[in-house]
Amino acid sequence: MGKKLYVGNLPFAATESSLEQIFVQAGKVESAKVITDRETGRSKGFGFVEMSTEAEATDAIAKFNGADYDGRPMTVSEAKPMVPRESRGGFGGGDRGRY
């Protein structure tokens, strides 16, 4: 099973293809994803790369954490599991005294 890495401080021009091209230097890349804004489609400046083995992931962290990517030092670390968000009370549910 692969190891997922968090990659931060990406330039806004970064693409999934360019991210994969960088990380393939450390081993087999299972997937590369740049997170984009839902409304604008523009990169949010971070993404995730899944390496095929633990050893390749460790190598990628050592090679690329702090490495320059278009003038920006990347932050590369082991991805943490996503924590469900708390409800912020938006729409739906609950009786608010309206009939």
N, C-alpha and C. Protein backbone atom coordinates (compact mmCIF):
# COMPACT_ATOMS: atom_id res chain seq x y z
N MET A 1 0.84 -1.19 0.00
CA MET A 1 0.00 0.00 0.00
C MET A 1 0.88 1.24 0.00
N GLY A 2 0.43 2.27 -0.71
CA GLY A 2 1.19 3.51 -0.84
C GLY A 2 1.11 4.40 0.38
N LYS A 3 1.85 5.47 0.32
CA LYS A 3 1.91 6.43 1.41
C LYS A 3 1.56 7.79 0.84
N LYS A 4 0.60 8.46 1.45
CA LYS A 4 0.14 9.75 0.96
C LYS A 4 0.93 10.87 1.61
N LEU A 5 1.37 11.82 0.78
CA LEU A 5 2.13 12.96 1.25
C LEU A 5 1.36 14.25 1.03
N TYR A 6 1.48 15.17 1.97
CA TYR A 6 0.95 16.53 1.83
C TYR A 6 2.05 17.37 1.20
N VAL A 7 1.70 18.16 0.20
CA VAL A 7 2.66 19.05 -0.45
C VAL A 7 2.08 20.46 -0.40
N GLY A 8 2.74 21.34 0.37
CA GLY A 8 2.24 22.70 0.53
C GLY A 8 3.16 23.73 -0.09
N ASN A 9 2.69 24.97 -0.11
CA ASN A 9 3.40 26.13 -0.64
C ASN A 9 3.70 25.96 -2.13
N LEU A 10 2.74 25.38 -2.85
CA LEU A 10 2.90 25.21 -4.29
C LEU A 10 2.60 26.53 -5.01
N PRO A 11 3.27 26.78 -6.13
CA PRO A 11 2.91 27.96 -6.92
C PRO A 11 1.50 27.74 -7.50
N PHE A 12 0.78 28.81 -7.72
CA PHE A 12 -0.60 28.67 -8.20
C PHE A 12 -0.66 28.10 -9.61
N ALA A 13 0.45 28.11 -10.34
CA ALA A 13 0.51 27.54 -11.69
C ALA A 13 0.76 26.03 -11.67
N ALA A 14 0.97 25.45 -10.51
CA ALA A 14 1.26 24.01 -10.41
C ALA A 14 0.09 23.19 -10.94
N THR A 15 0.42 22.12 -11.64
CA THR A 15 -0.60 21.19 -12.15
C THR A 15 -0.31 19.80 -11.61
N GLU A 16 -1.27 18.92 -11.72
CA GLU A 16 -1.07 17.55 -11.26
C GLU A 16 0.05 16.89 -12.05
N SER A 17 0.13 17.19 -13.33
CA SER A 17 1.18 16.61 -14.17
C SER A 17 2.57 17.10 -13.74
N SER A 18 2.70 18.40 -13.48
CA SER A 18 4.01 18.94 -13.07
C SER A 18 4.41 18.41 -11.70
N LEU A 19 3.44 18.24 -10.82
CA LEU A 19 3.71 17.70 -9.48
C LEU A 19 4.20 16.25 -9.60
N GLU A 20 3.54 15.49 -10.44
CA GLU A 20 3.95 14.10 -10.65
C GLU A 20 5.37 14.03 -11.22
N GLN A 21 5.70 14.91 -12.16
CA GLN A 21 7.02 14.92 -12.78
C GLN A 21 8.13 15.18 -11.75
N ILE A 22 7.84 15.99 -10.76
CA ILE A 22 8.82 16.26 -9.71
C ILE A 22 9.00 15.02 -8.83
N PHE A 23 7.90 14.46 -8.36
CA PHE A 23 7.96 13.37 -7.38
C PHE A 23 8.39 12.03 -7.96
N VAL A 24 8.29 11.85 -9.27
CA VAL A 24 8.72 10.60 -9.89
C VAL A 24 10.23 10.41 -9.71
N GLN A 25 10.94 11.48 -9.41
CA GLN A 25 12.38 11.38 -9.15
C GLN A 25 12.67 10.57 -7.88
N ALA A 26 11.67 10.44 -7.00
CA ALA A 26 11.85 9.69 -5.75
C ALA A 26 11.26 8.28 -5.83
N GLY A 27 10.58 7.96 -6.92
CA GLY A 27 9.99 6.64 -7.06
C GLY A 27 8.68 6.69 -7.82
N LYS A 28 7.93 5.59 -7.76
CA LYS A 28 6.67 5.48 -8.49
C LYS A 28 5.57 6.31 -7.81
N VAL A 29 4.95 7.19 -8.59
CA VAL A 29 3.86 8.02 -8.09
C VAL A 29 2.54 7.35 -8.44
N GLU A 30 1.77 7.01 -7.41
CA GLU A 30 0.46 6.38 -7.62
C GLU A 30 -0.57 7.43 -8.06
N SER A 31 -0.52 8.61 -7.43
CA SER A 31 -1.43 9.69 -7.80
C SER A 31 -0.86 11.02 -7.36
N ALA A 32 -1.27 12.07 -8.05
CA ALA A 32 -0.88 13.44 -7.71
C ALA A 32 -2.12 14.31 -7.88
N LYS A 33 -2.45 15.08 -6.86
CA LYS A 33 -3.66 15.90 -6.88
C LYS A 33 -3.36 17.29 -6.35
N VAL A 34 -3.66 18.32 -7.16
CA VAL A 34 -3.55 19.71 -6.72
C VAL A 34 -4.96 20.14 -6.32
N ILE A 35 -5.11 20.65 -5.13
CA ILE A 35 -6.43 21.07 -4.64
C ILE A 35 -6.77 22.44 -5.21
N THR A 36 -7.96 22.53 -5.79
CA THR A 36 -8.39 23.78 -6.43
C THR A 36 -9.62 24.35 -5.76
N ASP A 37 -9.79 25.65 -5.91
CA ASP A 37 -10.97 26.34 -5.40
C ASP A 37 -12.19 25.92 -6.21
N ARG A 38 -13.27 25.61 -5.54
CA ARG A 38 -14.48 25.14 -6.22
C ARG A 38 -15.05 26.17 -7.20
N GLU A 39 -15.02 27.43 -6.80
CA GLU A 39 -15.65 28.46 -7.61
C GLU A 39 -14.76 28.95 -8.75
N THR A 40 -13.48 29.17 -8.48
CA THR A 40 -12.60 29.75 -9.50
C THR A 40 -11.80 28.71 -10.28
N GLY A 41 -11.63 27.51 -9.72
CA GLY A 41 -10.83 26.49 -10.37
C GLY A 41 -9.33 26.72 -10.21
N ARG A 42 -8.96 27.77 -9.50
CA ARG A 42 -7.54 28.09 -9.29
C ARG A 42 -6.97 27.26 -8.15
N SER A 43 -5.69 26.93 -8.26
CA SER A 43 -5.03 26.14 -7.22
C SER A 43 -5.09 26.87 -5.88
N LYS A 44 -5.25 26.09 -4.81
CA LYS A 44 -5.22 26.65 -3.46
C LYS A 44 -3.81 26.66 -2.89
N GLY A 45 -2.83 26.17 -3.67
CA GLY A 45 -1.44 26.21 -3.24
C GLY A 45 -0.98 24.99 -2.47
N PHE A 46 -1.78 23.92 -2.50
CA PHE A 46 -1.35 22.67 -1.86
C PHE A 46 -1.96 21.49 -2.60
N GLY A 47 -1.40 20.32 -2.30
CA GLY A 47 -1.91 19.13 -2.94
C GLY A 47 -1.44 17.88 -2.21
N PHE A 48 -1.67 16.74 -2.84
CA PHE A 48 -1.30 15.45 -2.25
C PHE A 48 -0.67 14.58 -3.32
N VAL A 49 0.35 13.85 -2.92
CA VAL A 49 1.01 12.89 -3.80
C VAL A 49 1.04 11.56 -3.07
N GLU A 50 0.65 10.50 -3.76
CA GLU A 50 0.72 9.17 -3.16
C GLU A 50 1.85 8.39 -3.83
N MET A 51 2.82 8.01 -3.02
CA MET A 51 3.96 7.22 -3.49
C MET A 51 3.62 5.74 -3.30
N SER A 52 4.25 4.87 -4.11
CA SER A 52 3.87 3.45 -4.07
C SER A 52 4.39 2.72 -2.83
N THR A 53 5.50 3.16 -2.24
CA THR A 53 6.00 2.48 -1.04
C THR A 53 6.37 3.48 0.05
N GLU A 54 6.46 2.99 1.25
CA GLU A 54 6.86 3.79 2.40
C GLU A 54 8.27 4.36 2.20
N ALA A 55 9.17 3.54 1.66
CA ALA A 55 10.56 3.97 1.44
C ALA A 55 10.63 5.12 0.43
N GLU A 56 9.83 5.02 -0.63
CA GLU A 56 9.81 6.09 -1.63
C GLU A 56 9.23 7.37 -1.04
N ALA A 57 8.22 7.23 -0.19
CA ALA A 57 7.63 8.40 0.45
C ALA A 57 8.64 9.08 1.37
N THR A 58 9.38 8.30 2.14
CA THR A 58 10.41 8.84 3.02
C THR A 58 11.49 9.55 2.21
N ASP A 59 11.87 8.96 1.09
CA ASP A 59 12.86 9.57 0.20
C ASP A 59 12.34 10.89 -0.37
N ALA A 60 11.07 10.90 -0.77
CA ALA A 60 10.46 12.12 -1.34
C ALA A 60 10.43 13.25 -0.31
N ILE A 61 10.11 12.93 0.93
CA ILE A 61 10.10 13.94 1.99
C ILE A 61 11.49 14.52 2.16
N ALA A 62 12.50 13.64 2.21
CA ALA A 62 13.89 14.08 2.39
C ALA A 62 14.36 14.94 1.21
N LYS A 63 13.98 14.56 -0.01
CA LYS A 63 14.44 15.28 -1.20
C LYS A 63 13.72 16.61 -1.42
N PHE A 64 12.43 16.64 -1.17
CA PHE A 64 11.63 17.77 -1.63
C PHE A 64 11.12 18.72 -0.55
N ASN A 65 11.20 18.36 0.71
CA ASN A 65 10.77 19.30 1.76
C ASN A 65 11.77 20.46 1.77
N GLY A 66 11.29 21.66 1.46
CA GLY A 66 12.15 22.84 1.39
C GLY A 66 12.74 23.08 0.02
N ALA A 67 12.53 22.14 -0.92
CA ALA A 67 13.06 22.30 -2.28
C ALA A 67 12.30 23.39 -3.03
N ASP A 68 13.01 24.08 -3.92
CA ASP A 68 12.44 25.17 -4.69
C ASP A 68 11.54 24.65 -5.81
N TYR A 69 10.34 25.21 -5.91
CA TYR A 69 9.43 24.92 -7.01
C TYR A 69 8.93 26.26 -7.51
N ASP A 70 9.45 26.71 -8.64
CA ASP A 70 9.11 28.02 -9.21
C ASP A 70 9.27 29.15 -8.20
N GLY A 71 10.38 29.13 -7.47
CA GLY A 71 10.68 30.20 -6.53
C GLY A 71 10.04 30.07 -5.16
N ARG A 72 9.36 28.97 -4.92
CA ARG A 72 8.71 28.75 -3.62
C ARG A 72 9.24 27.48 -2.97
N PRO A 73 9.59 27.54 -1.68
CA PRO A 73 10.07 26.32 -1.01
C PRO A 73 8.89 25.43 -0.63
N MET A 74 8.84 24.23 -1.22
CA MET A 74 7.74 23.30 -0.94
C MET A 74 7.80 22.79 0.49
N THR A 75 6.66 22.50 1.04
CA THR A 75 6.54 21.82 2.32
C THR A 75 6.03 20.43 2.01
N VAL A 76 6.79 19.42 2.37
CA VAL A 76 6.39 18.03 2.09
C VAL A 76 6.43 17.25 3.40
N SER A 77 5.31 16.61 3.73
CA SER A 77 5.24 15.81 4.95
C SER A 77 4.22 14.70 4.75
N GLU A 78 4.19 13.79 5.70
CA GLU A 78 3.20 12.72 5.65
C GLU A 78 1.81 13.34 5.82
N ALA A 79 0.87 12.94 4.97
CA ALA A 79 -0.49 13.46 5.05
C ALA A 79 -1.18 12.91 6.28
N LYS A 80 -1.93 13.74 6.94
CA LYS A 80 -2.70 13.32 8.12
C LYS A 80 -4.12 12.96 7.67
N PRO A 81 -4.76 12.02 8.35
CA PRO A 81 -6.13 11.65 7.97
C PRO A 81 -7.07 12.85 8.06
N MET A 82 -8.02 12.90 7.14
CA MET A 82 -8.97 14.00 7.13
C MET A 82 -9.93 13.86 8.30
N VAL A 83 -10.11 14.96 9.03
CA VAL A 83 -11.01 14.98 10.17
C VAL A 83 -12.33 15.58 9.72
N PRO A 84 -13.46 14.92 10.02
CA PRO A 84 -14.75 15.49 9.61
C PRO A 84 -14.96 16.87 10.22
N ARG A 85 -15.51 17.76 9.43
CA ARG A 85 -15.78 19.11 9.92
C ARG A 85 -16.99 19.13 10.83
N GLU A 86 -16.98 20.07 11.76
CA GLU A 86 -18.16 20.28 12.60
C GLU A 86 -19.21 20.99 11.78
N SER A 87 -20.45 20.72 12.10
CA SER A 87 -21.54 21.42 11.44
C SER A 87 -21.46 22.89 11.81
N ARG A 88 -21.59 23.74 10.82
CA ARG A 88 -21.53 25.17 11.09
C ARG A 88 -22.92 25.79 11.11
N GLY A 89 -23.93 24.94 11.09
CA GLY A 89 -25.29 25.44 11.25
C GLY A 89 -25.94 25.93 9.98
N GLY A 90 -25.35 25.89 8.85
CA GLY A 90 -25.88 26.36 7.56
C GLY A 90 -27.35 26.12 7.34
N PHE A 91 -27.68 25.49 6.26
CA PHE A 91 -29.09 25.28 5.88
C PHE A 91 -29.62 23.96 6.40
N GLY A 92 -30.93 23.85 6.44
CA GLY A 92 -31.60 22.59 6.72
C GLY A 92 -31.65 22.22 8.18
N GLY A 93 -32.54 21.29 8.43
CA GLY A 93 -32.67 20.68 9.75
C GLY A 93 -33.07 21.63 10.87
N GLY A 94 -33.73 21.05 11.83
CA GLY A 94 -34.06 21.79 13.04
C GLY A 94 -35.28 22.65 12.94
N ASP A 95 -36.02 22.69 14.03
CA ASP A 95 -37.20 23.55 14.11
C ASP A 95 -36.76 24.88 14.68
N ARG A 96 -36.92 25.91 13.93
CA ARG A 96 -36.49 27.23 14.37
C ARG A 96 -37.68 28.11 14.73
N GLY A 97 -38.75 27.47 15.08
CA GLY A 97 -39.93 28.22 15.52
C GLY A 97 -40.75 28.78 14.38
N ARG A 98 -40.51 28.32 13.17
CA ARG A 98 -41.28 28.81 12.03
C ARG A 98 -42.33 27.77 11.66
N TYR A 99 -43.52 28.26 11.32
CA TYR A 99 -44.61 27.36 10.90
C TYR A 99 -45.12 27.74 9.56
